[in-house]
Amino acid sequence: MACPICGEDTVRAYRPFCSKRCADIDLGRWMQERYVVPGREGEEEGVPEDDAPDQIQ
């Protein structure tokens, strides 16, 4: 299996990466929002209404 960052062979301790460096590069990309997980069209960010806790009135 090849590391998705540099293409080198992976190492069991850092799989799917080859090293801590490549794992950290990937984490940094997620934290900078360079990667996104697509949602459904029209879905707003946050808690869906069905999952929102009931408000006490």
N, C-alpha and C. Protein backbone atom coordinates (compact mmCIF):
# COMPACT_ATOMS: atom_id res chain seq x y z
N MET A 1 0.85 -1.16 0.00
CA MET A 1 0.00 0.00 0.00
C MET A 1 0.90 1.24 0.00
N ALA A 2 0.54 2.23 -0.79
CA ALA A 2 1.35 3.45 -0.90
C ALA A 2 0.77 4.57 -0.03
N CYS A 3 1.64 5.35 0.56
CA CYS A 3 1.26 6.51 1.36
C CYS A 3 0.53 7.51 0.46
N PRO A 4 -0.64 8.02 0.87
CA PRO A 4 -1.37 8.96 0.03
C PRO A 4 -0.70 10.34 -0.08
N ILE A 5 0.27 10.62 0.76
CA ILE A 5 0.95 11.92 0.73
C ILE A 5 2.18 11.89 -0.17
N CYS A 6 3.06 10.90 0.04
CA CYS A 6 4.32 10.89 -0.71
C CYS A 6 4.49 9.71 -1.66
N GLY A 7 3.66 8.67 -1.51
CA GLY A 7 3.75 7.52 -2.40
C GLY A 7 4.68 6.41 -1.94
N GLU A 8 5.39 6.62 -0.81
CA GLU A 8 6.27 5.57 -0.28
C GLU A 8 5.44 4.44 0.31
N ASP A 9 6.09 3.30 0.60
CA ASP A 9 5.40 2.18 1.24
C ASP A 9 4.95 2.59 2.64
N THR A 10 3.80 2.09 3.06
CA THR A 10 3.28 2.44 4.38
C THR A 10 4.00 1.67 5.47
N VAL A 11 3.88 2.19 6.69
CA VAL A 11 4.45 1.56 7.88
C VAL A 11 3.27 1.27 8.80
N ARG A 12 3.23 0.06 9.36
CA ARG A 12 2.09 -0.37 10.18
C ARG A 12 1.71 0.66 11.25
N ALA A 13 2.66 1.25 11.93
CA ALA A 13 2.39 2.18 13.03
C ALA A 13 1.67 3.45 12.56
N TYR A 14 1.83 3.81 11.28
CA TYR A 14 1.25 5.06 10.77
C TYR A 14 0.28 4.83 9.63
N ARG A 15 -0.10 3.59 9.39
CA ARG A 15 -0.98 3.25 8.28
C ARG A 15 -2.22 4.12 8.26
N PRO A 16 -2.62 4.72 7.17
CA PRO A 16 -2.20 4.45 5.80
C PRO A 16 -1.01 5.29 5.35
N PHE A 17 -0.29 5.89 6.27
CA PHE A 17 0.85 6.73 5.92
C PHE A 17 2.16 5.99 6.14
N CYS A 18 3.26 6.61 5.68
CA CYS A 18 4.57 5.98 5.81
C CYS A 18 5.32 6.48 7.04
N SER A 19 4.89 7.62 7.58
CA SER A 19 5.61 8.22 8.70
C SER A 19 4.71 9.19 9.46
N LYS A 20 5.18 9.60 10.63
CA LYS A 20 4.45 10.60 11.41
C LYS A 20 4.39 11.91 10.63
N ARG A 21 5.44 12.23 9.91
CA ARG A 21 5.47 13.46 9.12
C ARG A 21 4.31 13.51 8.13
N CYS A 22 4.12 12.43 7.36
CA CYS A 22 3.03 12.40 6.38
C CYS A 22 1.67 12.40 7.07
N ALA A 23 1.55 11.71 8.21
CA ALA A 23 0.29 11.73 8.96
C ALA A 23 -0.01 13.15 9.44
N ASP A 24 1.02 13.88 9.90
CA ASP A 24 0.84 15.25 10.36
C ASP A 24 0.48 16.19 9.21
N ILE A 25 1.07 15.97 8.04
CA ILE A 25 0.73 16.77 6.86
C ILE A 25 -0.76 16.59 6.54
N ASP A 26 -1.23 15.35 6.56
CA ASP A 26 -2.63 15.06 6.28
C ASP A 26 -3.54 15.72 7.32
N LEU A 27 -3.19 15.61 8.61
CA LEU A 27 -3.97 16.22 9.67
C LEU A 27 -4.04 17.74 9.48
N GLY A 28 -2.91 18.34 9.13
CA GLY A 28 -2.88 19.79 8.88
C GLY A 28 -3.80 20.19 7.74
N ARG A 29 -3.87 19.38 6.71
CA ARG A 29 -4.77 19.68 5.59
C ARG A 29 -6.23 19.64 6.03
N TRP A 30 -6.58 18.65 6.89
CA TRP A 30 -7.95 18.60 7.42
C TRP A 30 -8.23 19.83 8.26
N MET A 31 -7.28 20.21 9.11
CA MET A 31 -7.48 21.34 10.02
C MET A 31 -7.58 22.67 9.27
N GLN A 32 -6.94 22.76 8.11
CA GLN A 32 -7.01 23.97 7.29
C GLN A 32 -8.21 23.92 6.33
N GLU A 33 -9.03 22.88 6.49
CA GLU A 33 -10.22 22.66 5.66
C GLU A 33 -9.89 22.56 4.17
N ARG A 34 -8.72 21.98 3.86
CA ARG A 34 -8.37 21.72 2.47
C ARG A 34 -9.07 20.47 1.96
N TYR A 35 -9.50 19.62 2.88
CA TYR A 35 -10.32 18.46 2.54
C TYR A 35 -11.72 18.73 3.09
N VAL A 36 -12.73 18.27 2.40
CA VAL A 36 -14.09 18.38 2.91
C VAL A 36 -14.84 17.10 2.61
N VAL A 37 -15.80 16.79 3.45
CA VAL A 37 -16.68 15.66 3.22
C VAL A 37 -17.98 16.25 2.72
N PRO A 38 -18.37 15.93 1.49
CA PRO A 38 -19.57 16.55 0.93
C PRO A 38 -20.83 16.12 1.67
N GLY A 39 -21.74 17.05 1.83
CA GLY A 39 -23.03 16.77 2.46
C GLY A 39 -24.11 16.79 1.39
N ARG A 40 -25.32 16.61 1.84
CA ARG A 40 -26.44 16.68 0.90
C ARG A 40 -26.70 18.13 0.52
N GLU A 41 -27.14 18.36 -0.69
CA GLU A 41 -27.43 19.70 -1.17
C GLU A 41 -28.53 20.33 -0.32
N GLY A 42 -28.33 21.58 0.09
CA GLY A 42 -29.31 22.28 0.88
C GLY A 42 -29.18 22.03 2.36
N GLU A 43 -28.31 21.15 2.75
CA GLU A 43 -28.12 20.84 4.18
C GLU A 43 -27.26 21.92 4.80
N GLU A 44 -27.75 22.52 5.86
CA GLU A 44 -27.00 23.57 6.54
C GLU A 44 -26.06 22.95 7.56
N GLU A 45 -25.01 23.68 7.87
CA GLU A 45 -24.05 23.21 8.86
C GLU A 45 -24.68 23.28 10.24
N GLY A 46 -24.40 22.32 11.08
CA GLY A 46 -24.92 22.32 12.44
C GLY A 46 -25.78 21.09 12.68
N VAL A 47 -26.59 21.17 13.69
CA VAL A 47 -27.42 20.04 14.11
C VAL A 47 -28.72 20.05 13.31
N PRO A 48 -29.06 18.94 12.65
CA PRO A 48 -30.34 18.88 11.94
C PRO A 48 -31.49 19.04 12.92
N GLU A 49 -32.61 19.59 12.44
CA GLU A 49 -33.77 19.83 13.31
C GLU A 49 -34.22 18.57 14.02
N ASP A 50 -34.21 17.44 13.33
CA ASP A 50 -34.66 16.18 13.94
C ASP A 50 -33.79 15.78 15.13
N ASP A 51 -32.52 16.16 15.11
CA ASP A 51 -31.60 15.77 16.16
C ASP A 51 -31.41 16.86 17.22
N ALA A 52 -32.03 18.03 17.02
CA ALA A 52 -31.89 19.12 17.98
C ALA A 52 -32.61 18.77 19.28
N PRO A 53 -32.01 19.10 20.41
CA PRO A 53 -32.69 18.81 21.69
C PRO A 53 -33.93 19.68 21.84
N ASP A 54 -34.94 19.14 22.52
CA ASP A 54 -36.16 19.91 22.76
C ASP A 54 -35.86 21.07 23.69
N GLN A 55 -36.45 22.22 23.37
CA GLN A 55 -36.27 23.39 24.22
C GLN A 55 -37.34 23.42 25.28
N ILE A 56 -36.96 23.76 26.49
CA ILE A 56 -37.92 23.86 27.60
C ILE A 56 -38.51 25.26 27.56
N GLN A 57 -39.83 25.34 27.60
CA GLN A 57 -40.49 26.65 27.56
C GLN A 57 -41.19 26.93 28.83
